[in-house]
Amino acid sequence: MNPLQKLQEDSLKNKDENTVAWSKKLVGKTFVDDGAEHNLSEDQVFRRKDLPKMHRVLGPDSMMTMDYRPERLNVRVDDSNKAKSVDFS
């Protein structure tokens, strides 16, 4: 295997591991903006400050740019702001 192939495989593996880790942290929880009041317990929510610097929270009808940024976390939420999935791009 050439060095470039190895680098690409390692990058994909890390991306998959990060996706799984963030999914476990966020999916099923409700997005609440920093400082916003809510009636949920803290273990049921996540806030913008809990996310990496490069992120997007995308609602069902959100428009987004199509630029590829492998380090950017995308959090997809439903109409009630509950996280449904995460990915990097």
N, C-alpha and C. Protein backbone atom coordinates (compact mmCIF):
# COMPACT_ATOMS: atom_id res chain seq x y z
N MET A 1 0.85 -1.17 0.00
CA MET A 1 0.00 0.00 0.00
C MET A 1 0.90 1.24 0.00
N ASN A 2 0.57 2.17 -0.87
CA ASN A 2 1.39 3.38 -0.91
C ASN A 2 1.01 4.32 0.24
N PRO A 3 1.88 5.25 0.58
CA PRO A 3 1.63 6.14 1.73
C PRO A 3 0.35 6.96 1.61
N LEU A 4 0.01 7.38 0.39
CA LEU A 4 -1.21 8.17 0.21
C LEU A 4 -2.45 7.33 0.52
N GLN A 5 -2.47 6.09 0.07
CA GLN A 5 -3.60 5.22 0.37
C GLN A 5 -3.75 5.01 1.87
N LYS A 6 -2.63 4.80 2.55
CA LYS A 6 -2.64 4.61 4.00
C LYS A 6 -3.20 5.85 4.69
N LEU A 7 -2.77 7.02 4.26
CA LEU A 7 -3.26 8.28 4.83
C LEU A 7 -4.77 8.43 4.63
N GLN A 8 -5.25 8.09 3.43
CA GLN A 8 -6.67 8.19 3.14
C GLN A 8 -7.48 7.21 3.99
N GLU A 9 -6.98 5.99 4.14
CA GLU A 9 -7.68 5.00 4.96
C GLU A 9 -7.73 5.42 6.42
N ASP A 10 -6.61 5.93 6.93
CA ASP A 10 -6.57 6.41 8.32
C ASP A 10 -7.54 7.57 8.52
N SER A 11 -7.60 8.46 7.55
CA SER A 11 -8.50 9.61 7.63
C SER A 11 -9.96 9.15 7.68
N LEU A 12 -10.32 8.19 6.83
CA LEU A 12 -11.69 7.67 6.83
C LEU A 12 -12.02 6.97 8.14
N LYS A 13 -11.07 6.22 8.66
CA LYS A 13 -11.29 5.52 9.93
C LYS A 13 -11.53 6.52 11.05
N ASN A 14 -10.70 7.57 11.13
CA ASN A 14 -10.88 8.60 12.15
C ASN A 14 -12.21 9.31 12.00
N LYS A 15 -12.60 9.59 10.76
CA LYS A 15 -13.88 10.25 10.50
C LYS A 15 -15.03 9.39 10.99
N ASP A 16 -14.97 8.08 10.70
CA ASP A 16 -16.02 7.17 11.15
C ASP A 16 -16.07 7.09 12.67
N GLU A 17 -14.91 7.03 13.31
CA GLU A 17 -14.87 6.97 14.78
C GLU A 17 -15.43 8.26 15.38
N ASN A 18 -15.10 9.40 14.80
CA ASN A 18 -15.63 10.68 15.29
C ASN A 18 -17.14 10.76 15.10
N THR A 19 -17.63 10.27 13.97
CA THR A 19 -19.06 10.29 13.71
C THR A 19 -19.80 9.45 14.75
N VAL A 20 -19.29 8.27 15.04
CA VAL A 20 -19.91 7.40 16.05
C VAL A 20 -19.90 8.08 17.41
N ALA A 21 -18.77 8.66 17.78
CA ALA A 21 -18.65 9.32 19.09
C ALA A 21 -19.63 10.48 19.22
N TRP A 22 -19.71 11.33 18.20
CA TRP A 22 -20.63 12.47 18.26
C TRP A 22 -22.08 11.99 18.21
N SER A 23 -22.37 10.93 17.48
CA SER A 23 -23.73 10.38 17.44
C SER A 23 -24.16 9.97 18.84
N LYS A 24 -23.28 9.28 19.55
CA LYS A 24 -23.61 8.83 20.91
C LYS A 24 -23.85 10.02 21.84
N LYS A 25 -23.12 11.11 21.63
CA LYS A 25 -23.27 12.29 22.48
C LYS A 25 -24.54 13.09 22.18
N LEU A 26 -24.97 13.12 20.90
CA LEU A 26 -26.00 14.09 20.51
C LEU A 26 -27.33 13.51 20.07
N VAL A 27 -27.34 12.39 19.35
CA VAL A 27 -28.59 11.89 18.77
C VAL A 27 -29.59 11.58 19.88
N GLY A 28 -30.79 12.11 19.71
CA GLY A 28 -31.85 11.94 20.70
C GLY A 28 -31.95 13.10 21.67
N LYS A 29 -30.94 13.96 21.70
CA LYS A 29 -30.97 15.13 22.58
C LYS A 29 -31.49 16.34 21.81
N THR A 30 -31.96 17.32 22.53
CA THR A 30 -32.53 18.52 21.94
C THR A 30 -31.51 19.65 21.93
N PHE A 31 -31.40 20.32 20.79
CA PHE A 31 -30.49 21.47 20.66
C PHE A 31 -31.14 22.69 21.29
N VAL A 32 -30.40 23.32 22.21
CA VAL A 32 -30.84 24.55 22.87
C VAL A 32 -29.70 25.55 22.73
N ASP A 33 -30.00 26.74 22.21
CA ASP A 33 -28.95 27.74 22.03
C ASP A 33 -28.40 28.16 23.39
N ASP A 34 -27.13 28.55 23.41
CA ASP A 34 -26.48 28.97 24.65
C ASP A 34 -27.31 30.04 25.34
N GLY A 35 -27.53 29.88 26.62
CA GLY A 35 -28.25 30.87 27.40
C GLY A 35 -29.77 30.79 27.32
N ALA A 36 -30.29 29.97 26.42
CA ALA A 36 -31.75 29.86 26.28
C ALA A 36 -32.33 29.03 27.42
N GLU A 37 -33.50 29.42 27.87
CA GLU A 37 -34.18 28.67 28.93
C GLU A 37 -34.97 27.53 28.31
N HIS A 38 -35.13 26.45 29.09
CA HIS A 38 -35.87 25.28 28.62
C HIS A 38 -36.41 24.52 29.82
N ASN A 39 -37.29 23.57 29.55
CA ASN A 39 -37.91 22.77 30.61
C ASN A 39 -37.35 21.35 30.66
N LEU A 40 -36.28 21.08 29.96
CA LEU A 40 -35.69 19.74 29.92
C LEU A 40 -34.54 19.63 30.91
N SER A 41 -34.20 18.41 31.29
CA SER A 41 -33.03 18.23 32.14
C SER A 41 -31.77 18.41 31.29
N GLU A 42 -30.68 18.76 31.92
CA GLU A 42 -29.45 19.06 31.19
C GLU A 42 -28.92 17.85 30.41
N ASP A 43 -29.23 16.62 30.85
CA ASP A 43 -28.75 15.45 30.10
C ASP A 43 -29.61 15.16 28.87
N GLN A 44 -30.67 15.95 28.67
CA GLN A 44 -31.52 15.80 27.50
C GLN A 44 -31.23 16.84 26.43
N VAL A 45 -30.29 17.75 26.69
CA VAL A 45 -30.02 18.83 25.75
C VAL A 45 -28.53 18.92 25.43
N PHE A 46 -28.24 19.58 24.32
CA PHE A 46 -26.87 20.00 24.01
C PHE A 46 -26.95 21.43 23.52
N ARG A 47 -25.87 22.14 23.71
CA ARG A 47 -25.81 23.56 23.37
C ARG A 47 -24.70 23.81 22.35
N ARG A 48 -24.77 24.95 21.72
CA ARG A 48 -23.76 25.33 20.72
C ARG A 48 -22.35 25.26 21.32
N LYS A 49 -22.20 25.67 22.57
CA LYS A 49 -20.88 25.64 23.22
C LYS A 49 -20.34 24.23 23.39
N ASP A 50 -21.20 23.20 23.31
CA ASP A 50 -20.78 21.81 23.43
C ASP A 50 -20.23 21.25 22.12
N LEU A 51 -20.40 21.98 21.04
CA LEU A 51 -20.02 21.52 19.70
C LEU A 51 -18.63 22.03 19.34
N PRO A 52 -17.96 21.34 18.41
CA PRO A 52 -16.66 21.85 17.96
C PRO A 52 -16.81 23.19 17.25
N LYS A 53 -15.71 23.90 17.14
CA LYS A 53 -15.74 25.23 16.51
C LYS A 53 -16.35 25.17 15.11
N MET A 54 -15.95 24.20 14.31
CA MET A 54 -16.50 24.03 12.96
C MET A 54 -17.71 23.11 13.04
N HIS A 55 -18.91 23.69 13.00
CA HIS A 55 -20.13 22.90 13.05
C HIS A 55 -21.28 23.64 12.36
N ARG A 56 -22.33 22.87 12.06
CA ARG A 56 -23.59 23.44 11.58
C ARG A 56 -24.71 22.64 12.23
N VAL A 57 -25.75 23.32 12.65
CA VAL A 57 -26.97 22.66 13.11
C VAL A 57 -27.99 22.90 12.01
N LEU A 58 -28.46 21.82 11.40
CA LEU A 58 -29.31 21.91 10.22
C LEU A 58 -30.71 21.38 10.50
N GLY A 59 -31.70 22.23 10.32
CA GLY A 59 -33.09 21.82 10.46
C GLY A 59 -33.58 21.14 9.20
N PRO A 60 -34.83 20.65 9.21
CA PRO A 60 -35.36 19.92 8.06
C PRO A 60 -35.32 20.69 6.74
N ASP A 61 -35.53 21.99 6.79
CA ASP A 61 -35.56 22.78 5.56
C ASP A 61 -34.39 23.75 5.46
N SER A 62 -33.33 23.48 6.20
CA SER A 62 -32.17 24.38 6.19
C SER A 62 -31.45 24.34 4.85
N MET A 63 -31.07 25.52 4.39
CA MET A 63 -30.21 25.60 3.22
C MET A 63 -28.78 25.54 3.71
N MET A 64 -27.91 24.96 2.91
CA MET A 64 -26.51 24.87 3.32
C MET A 64 -25.61 24.96 2.11
N THR A 65 -24.39 25.38 2.35
CA THR A 65 -23.40 25.41 1.28
C THR A 65 -22.95 23.98 1.01
N MET A 66 -22.45 23.75 -0.17
CA MET A 66 -22.02 22.40 -0.54
C MET A 66 -20.51 22.25 -0.50
N ASP A 67 -19.81 23.22 0.09
CA ASP A 67 -18.36 23.09 0.20
C ASP A 67 -18.03 21.96 1.16
N TYR A 68 -17.02 21.19 0.82
CA TYR A 68 -16.65 20.03 1.62
C TYR A 68 -15.59 20.42 2.63
N ARG A 69 -15.90 20.25 3.89
CA ARG A 69 -14.96 20.51 4.98
C ARG A 69 -14.99 19.30 5.90
N PRO A 70 -14.04 18.40 5.74
CA PRO A 70 -14.09 17.14 6.49
C PRO A 70 -14.04 17.31 8.00
N GLU A 71 -13.59 18.46 8.48
CA GLU A 71 -13.51 18.69 9.93
C GLU A 71 -14.80 19.31 10.49
N ARG A 72 -15.77 19.63 9.63
CA ARG A 72 -17.00 20.30 10.08
C ARG A 72 -18.06 19.26 10.48
N LEU A 73 -18.56 19.41 11.69
CA LEU A 73 -19.62 18.54 12.20
C LEU A 73 -20.97 19.10 11.78
N ASN A 74 -21.77 18.28 11.12
CA ASN A 74 -23.14 18.63 10.77
C ASN A 74 -24.08 17.89 11.71
N VAL A 75 -24.93 18.62 12.39
CA VAL A 75 -25.92 18.01 13.27
C VAL A 75 -27.28 18.27 12.63
N ARG A 76 -27.98 17.22 12.29
CA ARG A 76 -29.29 17.35 11.66
C ARG A 76 -30.36 17.17 12.73
N VAL A 77 -31.24 18.18 12.83
CA VAL A 77 -32.30 18.16 13.84
C VAL A 77 -33.66 18.16 13.17
N ASP A 78 -34.67 17.69 13.90
CA ASP A 78 -36.04 17.70 13.38
C ASP A 78 -36.73 19.03 13.75
N ASP A 79 -38.02 19.10 13.50
CA ASP A 79 -38.77 20.34 13.77
C ASP A 79 -38.76 20.75 15.24
N SER A 80 -38.54 19.80 16.13
CA SER A 80 -38.51 20.12 17.56
C SER A 80 -37.08 20.29 18.07
N ASN A 81 -36.13 20.41 17.15
CA ASN A 81 -34.70 20.59 17.46
C ASN A 81 -34.04 19.37 18.10
N LYS A 82 -34.64 18.21 17.94
CA LYS A 82 -34.04 16.98 18.45
C LYS A 82 -33.07 16.44 17.40
N ALA A 83 -31.84 16.13 17.83
CA ALA A 83 -30.82 15.63 16.91
C ALA A 83 -31.21 14.26 16.36
N LYS A 84 -31.18 14.14 15.05
CA LYS A 84 -31.52 12.89 14.37
C LYS A 84 -30.30 12.18 13.82
N SER A 85 -29.29 12.94 13.40
CA SER A 85 -28.07 12.33 12.86
C SER A 85 -26.94 13.34 12.86
N VAL A 86 -25.72 12.83 12.73
CA VAL A 86 -24.54 13.67 12.60
C VAL A 86 -23.65 13.11 11.51
N ASP A 87 -22.88 13.98 10.90
CA ASP A 87 -21.87 13.57 9.93
C ASP A 87 -20.85 14.68 9.80
N PHE A 88 -19.78 14.39 9.12
CA PHE A 88 -18.74 15.38 8.88
C PHE A 88 -18.67 15.69 7.40
N SER A 89 -18.69 16.97 7.04
CA SER A 89 -18.50 17.40 5.64
C SER A 89 -18.48 18.91 5.55
